[in-house]
């Protein structure tokens, strides 16, 4: 199947990818990955071995798209949910990298809710 990775066309087959990955030890997966056989490989490692190009020349998305079209199972890293900061004290604590434990009250302020 013709796949374009890093602006270069490649004729890839599932068997060819399996052959390229045979005997290759998977690197630790920290991001997007491709399952080849029973092993889980980082997308960049698969792309480098299949295309013989430097990892900086292509994106994870290009590799995942090509491997999905060939029938491999691909996993992406879920995006982290961003907590909405409403309180000015929480915003200041987050900017300094410290957790906001409790809001201090001044004399005469109503008691803080638990």
N, C-alpha and C. Protein backbone atom coordinates (compact mmCIF):
# COMPACT_ATOMS: atom_id res chain seq x y z
N UNK A 1 0.85 -1.17 0.00
CA UNK A 1 0.00 0.00 0.00
C UNK A 1 0.90 1.24 0.00
N UNK A 2 0.55 2.20 -0.77
CA UNK A 2 1.33 3.43 -0.87
C UNK A 2 0.97 4.34 0.29
N UNK A 3 1.99 4.71 1.06
CA UNK A 3 1.83 5.60 2.20
C UNK A 3 2.86 6.73 2.09
N UNK A 4 2.44 7.93 2.41
CA UNK A 4 3.36 9.07 2.38
C UNK A 4 3.75 9.41 3.81
N UNK A 5 5.05 9.34 4.07
CA UNK A 5 5.59 9.68 5.39
C UNK A 5 6.74 10.64 5.15
N UNK A 6 6.70 11.78 5.80
CA UNK A 6 7.72 12.83 5.66
C UNK A 6 7.87 13.25 4.20
N UNK A 7 6.76 13.39 3.51
CA UNK A 7 6.69 13.85 2.12
C UNK A 7 7.31 12.87 1.12
N UNK A 8 7.61 11.65 1.56
CA UNK A 8 8.15 10.65 0.66
C UNK A 8 7.17 9.48 0.55
N UNK A 9 6.91 9.00 -0.67
CA UNK A 9 6.00 7.85 -0.82
C UNK A 9 6.74 6.54 -0.51
N UNK A 10 6.05 5.65 0.19
CA UNK A 10 6.59 4.33 0.51
C UNK A 10 5.55 3.28 0.14
N UNK A 11 6.02 2.18 -0.42
CA UNK A 11 5.16 1.02 -0.68
C UNK A 11 5.31 0.08 0.50
N UNK A 12 4.37 0.16 1.43
CA UNK A 12 4.45 -0.65 2.64
C UNK A 12 3.42 -1.76 2.61
N UNK A 13 3.80 -2.89 3.16
CA UNK A 13 2.87 -4.01 3.34
C UNK A 13 2.94 -4.45 4.79
N UNK A 14 1.90 -5.10 5.25
CA UNK A 14 1.88 -5.57 6.63
C UNK A 14 3.01 -6.57 6.85
N UNK A 15 3.21 -7.45 5.89
CA UNK A 15 4.30 -8.43 6.00
C UNK A 15 5.67 -7.77 6.02
N UNK A 16 5.84 -6.71 5.23
CA UNK A 16 7.10 -5.99 5.22
C UNK A 16 7.40 -5.32 6.54
N UNK A 17 6.36 -4.76 7.17
CA UNK A 17 6.54 -4.12 8.47
C UNK A 17 6.88 -5.18 9.52
N UNK A 18 6.16 -6.32 9.48
CA UNK A 18 6.45 -7.40 10.42
C UNK A 18 7.89 -7.89 10.27
N UNK A 19 8.35 -8.00 9.04
CA UNK A 19 9.72 -8.44 8.77
C UNK A 19 10.73 -7.41 9.29
N UNK A 20 10.45 -6.13 9.09
CA UNK A 20 11.35 -5.08 9.57
C UNK A 20 11.46 -5.06 11.09
N UNK A 21 10.37 -5.39 11.76
CA UNK A 21 10.34 -5.31 13.22
C UNK A 21 10.77 -6.61 13.89
N UNK A 22 11.00 -7.65 13.11
CA UNK A 22 11.38 -8.95 13.67
C UNK A 22 12.73 -8.84 14.38
N UNK A 23 12.77 -9.28 15.62
CA UNK A 23 14.00 -9.28 16.39
C UNK A 23 14.39 -7.93 16.98
N UNK A 24 13.54 -6.92 16.84
CA UNK A 24 13.83 -5.59 17.36
C UNK A 24 13.22 -5.47 18.75
N UNK A 25 14.05 -5.06 19.71
CA UNK A 25 13.57 -4.88 21.08
C UNK A 25 12.84 -3.54 21.19
N UNK A 26 11.61 -3.53 21.72
CA UNK A 26 10.87 -2.27 21.84
C UNK A 26 11.52 -1.34 22.87
N UNK A 27 11.55 -0.07 22.54
CA UNK A 27 11.99 0.95 23.49
C UNK A 27 10.84 1.22 24.46
N UNK A 28 11.11 1.84 25.60
CA UNK A 28 10.01 2.18 26.52
C UNK A 28 9.01 3.12 25.84
N UNK A 29 7.74 2.82 26.02
CA UNK A 29 6.68 3.62 25.39
C UNK A 29 6.26 4.73 26.35
N UNK A 30 6.37 5.96 25.89
CA UNK A 30 5.93 7.11 26.69
C UNK A 30 4.87 7.93 25.98
N UNK A 31 4.60 7.61 24.73
CA UNK A 31 3.61 8.37 23.96
C UNK A 31 2.82 7.45 23.07
N UNK A 32 2.59 7.89 21.83
CA UNK A 32 1.83 7.10 20.87
C UNK A 32 2.58 5.82 20.55
N UNK A 33 1.81 4.73 20.31
CA UNK A 33 2.46 3.44 20.08
C UNK A 33 1.73 2.63 19.03
N UNK A 34 2.45 1.64 18.50
CA UNK A 34 1.92 0.71 17.50
C UNK A 34 2.15 -0.70 18.02
N UNK A 35 1.14 -1.54 17.95
CA UNK A 35 1.28 -2.93 18.37
C UNK A 35 1.61 -3.76 17.14
N UNK A 36 2.81 -4.33 17.14
CA UNK A 36 3.28 -5.17 16.04
C UNK A 36 3.51 -6.55 16.61
N UNK A 37 2.75 -7.52 16.14
CA UNK A 37 2.82 -8.85 16.73
C UNK A 37 2.23 -8.78 18.13
N UNK A 38 3.03 -9.18 19.11
CA UNK A 38 2.59 -9.09 20.50
C UNK A 38 3.30 -7.98 21.25
N UNK A 39 4.08 -7.20 20.55
CA UNK A 39 4.87 -6.16 21.21
C UNK A 39 4.33 -4.77 20.89
N UNK A 40 4.54 -3.88 21.84
CA UNK A 40 4.11 -2.49 21.70
C UNK A 40 5.34 -1.62 21.51
N UNK A 41 5.42 -0.95 20.36
CA UNK A 41 6.56 -0.12 20.00
C UNK A 41 6.15 1.35 19.96
N UNK A 42 7.07 2.26 20.33
CA UNK A 42 6.79 3.69 20.11
C UNK A 42 6.63 3.97 18.61
N UNK A 43 5.74 4.85 18.26
CA UNK A 43 5.47 5.15 16.86
C UNK A 43 6.72 5.62 16.13
N UNK A 44 7.54 6.42 16.78
CA UNK A 44 8.76 6.93 16.14
C UNK A 44 9.75 5.79 15.83
N UNK A 45 9.83 4.80 16.71
CA UNK A 45 10.73 3.67 16.47
C UNK A 45 10.28 2.88 15.24
N UNK A 46 8.98 2.64 15.14
CA UNK A 46 8.44 1.91 13.98
C UNK A 46 8.71 2.71 12.70
N UNK A 47 8.43 4.01 12.74
CA UNK A 47 8.65 4.84 11.56
C UNK A 47 10.09 4.86 11.11
N UNK A 48 11.01 4.92 12.06
CA UNK A 48 12.42 4.94 11.71
C UNK A 48 12.86 3.62 11.07
N UNK A 49 12.41 2.50 11.62
CA UNK A 49 12.83 1.21 11.09
C UNK A 49 12.19 0.90 9.74
N UNK A 50 10.99 1.36 9.52
CA UNK A 50 10.29 1.07 8.28
C UNK A 50 10.76 1.98 7.14
N UNK A 51 10.99 3.26 7.45
CA UNK A 51 11.35 4.22 6.39
C UNK A 51 12.84 4.47 6.27
N UNK A 52 13.62 4.08 7.26
CA UNK A 52 15.07 4.33 7.29
C UNK A 52 15.36 5.83 7.28
N UNK A 53 14.47 6.61 7.89
CA UNK A 53 14.66 8.05 8.00
C UNK A 53 14.88 8.43 9.45
N UNK A 54 15.41 9.62 9.67
CA UNK A 54 15.60 10.13 11.01
C UNK A 54 14.25 10.41 11.65
N UNK A 55 14.14 10.20 12.93
CA UNK A 55 12.87 10.38 13.64
C UNK A 55 12.36 11.81 13.61
N UNK A 56 13.25 12.76 13.41
CA UNK A 56 12.83 14.16 13.36
C UNK A 56 12.16 14.52 12.04
N UNK A 57 12.27 13.64 11.05
CA UNK A 57 11.74 13.95 9.72
C UNK A 57 10.24 13.68 9.57
N UNK A 58 9.64 12.95 10.51
CA UNK A 58 8.21 12.62 10.39
C UNK A 58 7.55 12.75 11.76
N UNK A 59 6.22 12.80 11.72
CA UNK A 59 5.46 12.95 12.97
C UNK A 59 4.86 11.60 13.38
N UNK A 60 4.45 11.54 14.64
CA UNK A 60 3.77 10.35 15.12
C UNK A 60 2.49 10.10 14.32
N UNK A 61 1.79 11.17 14.00
CA UNK A 61 0.53 11.05 13.27
C UNK A 61 0.68 10.40 11.92
N UNK A 62 1.76 10.72 11.21
CA UNK A 62 2.01 10.10 9.90
C UNK A 62 2.20 8.60 10.04
N UNK A 63 2.97 8.19 11.05
CA UNK A 63 3.22 6.76 11.27
C UNK A 63 1.94 6.06 11.70
N UNK A 64 1.20 6.65 12.62
CA UNK A 64 -0.04 6.03 13.10
C UNK A 64 -1.05 5.88 11.96
N UNK A 65 -1.14 6.89 11.11
CA UNK A 65 -2.09 6.82 9.99
C UNK A 65 -1.71 5.68 9.03
N UNK A 66 -0.41 5.58 8.72
CA UNK A 66 0.03 4.53 7.80
C UNK A 66 -0.15 3.14 8.41
N UNK A 67 0.20 2.99 9.68
CA UNK A 67 0.10 1.67 10.33
C UNK A 67 -1.36 1.25 10.51
N UNK A 68 -2.24 2.22 10.77
CA UNK A 68 -3.67 1.91 10.89
C UNK A 68 -4.21 1.43 9.55
N UNK A 69 -3.79 2.08 8.46
CA UNK A 69 -4.24 1.66 7.12
C UNK A 69 -3.76 0.27 6.77
N UNK A 70 -2.60 -0.13 7.33
CA UNK A 70 -2.08 -1.47 7.08
C UNK A 70 -2.71 -2.53 7.99
N UNK A 71 -3.48 -2.10 8.97
CA UNK A 71 -4.19 -3.05 9.82
C UNK A 71 -3.58 -3.26 11.19
N UNK A 72 -2.61 -2.45 11.59
CA UNK A 72 -2.01 -2.57 12.91
C UNK A 72 -2.84 -1.79 13.92
N UNK A 73 -2.79 -2.22 15.18
CA UNK A 73 -3.48 -1.52 16.25
C UNK A 73 -2.57 -0.41 16.75
N UNK A 74 -3.10 0.80 16.80
CA UNK A 74 -2.33 1.97 17.25
C UNK A 74 -3.01 2.56 18.47
N UNK A 75 -2.19 3.03 19.40
CA UNK A 75 -2.69 3.67 20.62
C UNK A 75 -2.13 5.09 20.70
N UNK A 76 -3.00 6.01 21.09
CA UNK A 76 -2.56 7.39 21.30
C UNK A 76 -2.66 7.71 22.78
N UNK A 77 -1.89 8.67 23.22
CA UNK A 77 -1.91 9.09 24.60
C UNK A 77 -3.10 10.02 24.79
N UNK A 78 -3.96 9.74 25.79
CA UNK A 78 -5.09 10.65 26.00
C UNK A 78 -4.60 12.00 26.51
N UNK A 79 -5.26 13.04 26.09
CA UNK A 79 -4.92 14.39 26.53
C UNK A 79 -5.36 14.56 27.98
N UNK A 80 -4.55 15.18 28.79
CA UNK A 80 -4.86 15.39 30.19
C UNK A 80 -5.94 16.46 30.32
N UNK A 81 -6.85 16.22 31.24
CA UNK A 81 -7.91 17.20 31.51
C UNK A 81 -7.31 18.38 32.27
N UNK A 82 -7.71 19.56 31.90
CA UNK A 82 -7.21 20.76 32.54
C UNK A 82 -8.22 21.21 33.58
N UNK A 83 -7.75 21.35 34.82
CA UNK A 83 -8.64 21.80 35.89
C UNK A 83 -8.88 23.30 35.75
N UNK A 84 -10.12 23.69 35.88
CA UNK A 84 -10.46 25.10 35.77
C UNK A 84 -10.20 25.78 37.11
N UNK A 85 -9.39 26.83 37.09
CA UNK A 85 -9.05 27.55 38.30
C UNK A 85 -9.91 28.81 38.36
N UNK A 86 -10.71 28.90 39.41
CA UNK A 86 -11.65 30.00 39.53
C UNK A 86 -11.20 31.00 40.59
N UNK A 87 -10.76 30.51 41.72
CA UNK A 87 -10.39 31.35 42.84
C UNK A 87 -9.05 32.03 42.59
N UNK A 88 -8.91 33.33 42.88
CA UNK A 88 -7.64 34.01 42.67
C UNK A 88 -6.49 33.39 43.47
N UNK A 89 -6.78 32.89 44.66
CA UNK A 89 -5.75 32.24 45.47
C UNK A 89 -5.27 30.96 44.79
N UNK A 90 -6.19 30.20 44.23
CA UNK A 90 -5.82 28.99 43.50
C UNK A 90 -4.98 29.34 42.28
N UNK A 91 -5.36 30.42 41.58
CA UNK A 91 -4.62 30.84 40.39
C UNK A 91 -3.19 31.22 40.77
N UNK A 92 -3.02 31.97 41.86
CA UNK A 92 -1.69 32.38 42.30
C UNK A 92 -0.87 31.17 42.75
N UNK A 93 -1.50 30.24 43.46
CA UNK A 93 -0.79 29.04 43.91
C UNK A 93 -0.36 28.20 42.72
N UNK A 94 -1.23 28.07 41.72
CA UNK A 94 -0.89 27.29 40.53
C UNK A 94 0.25 27.94 39.75
N UNK A 95 0.27 29.27 39.71
CA UNK A 95 1.33 29.98 39.00
C UNK A 95 2.69 29.77 39.67
N UNK A 96 2.68 29.61 41.01
CA UNK A 96 3.92 29.39 41.74
C UNK A 96 4.26 27.90 41.84
N UNK A 97 3.34 27.06 41.42
CA UNK A 97 3.58 25.62 41.46
C UNK A 97 3.31 25.00 42.82
N UNK A 98 2.62 25.70 43.68
CA UNK A 98 2.32 25.19 45.01
C UNK A 98 0.84 24.84 45.11
N UNK A 99 0.51 23.82 45.89
CA UNK A 99 -0.91 23.49 46.06
C UNK A 99 -1.60 24.51 46.95
N UNK A 100 -2.82 24.78 46.67
CA UNK A 100 -3.63 25.69 47.48
C UNK A 100 -4.30 24.85 48.55
N UNK A 101 -3.85 24.98 49.80
CA UNK A 101 -4.38 24.14 50.86
C UNK A 101 -5.63 24.72 51.49
N UNK A 102 -5.55 25.95 51.95
CA UNK A 102 -6.69 26.54 52.63
C UNK A 102 -6.60 28.05 52.49
N UNK A 103 -7.74 28.68 52.39
CA UNK A 103 -7.76 30.14 52.31
C UNK A 103 -7.79 30.69 53.74
N UNK A 104 -6.85 31.58 54.01
CA UNK A 104 -6.81 32.20 55.34
C UNK A 104 -7.86 33.29 55.42
N UNK A 105 -8.42 33.43 56.60
CA UNK A 105 -9.45 34.45 56.78
C UNK A 105 -8.89 35.57 57.64
N UNK A 106 -9.31 36.75 57.38
CA UNK A 106 -8.91 37.91 58.18
C UNK A 106 -9.91 38.10 59.29
N UNK A 107 -9.51 38.81 60.33
CA UNK A 107 -10.48 39.07 61.41
C UNK A 107 -11.71 39.79 60.87
N UNK A 108 -12.85 39.31 61.25
CA UNK A 108 -14.09 39.92 60.78
C UNK A 108 -14.69 39.22 59.58
N UNK A 109 -13.93 38.35 58.89
CA UNK A 109 -14.46 37.57 57.77
C UNK A 109 -15.35 36.46 58.32
N UNK A 110 -16.35 36.07 57.55
CA UNK A 110 -17.17 34.94 57.98
C UNK A 110 -16.33 33.67 58.00
N UNK A 111 -16.70 32.69 58.82
CA UNK A 111 -15.92 31.45 58.89
C UNK A 111 -15.92 30.73 57.52
N UNK A 112 -14.80 30.09 57.23
CA UNK A 112 -14.66 29.36 55.94
C UNK A 112 -15.48 28.09 55.99
N UNK A 113 -16.07 27.76 54.86
CA UNK A 113 -16.86 26.52 54.76
C UNK A 113 -15.91 25.34 54.73
N UNK A 114 -16.28 24.21 55.34
CA UNK A 114 -15.40 23.03 55.34
C UNK A 114 -15.23 22.43 53.99
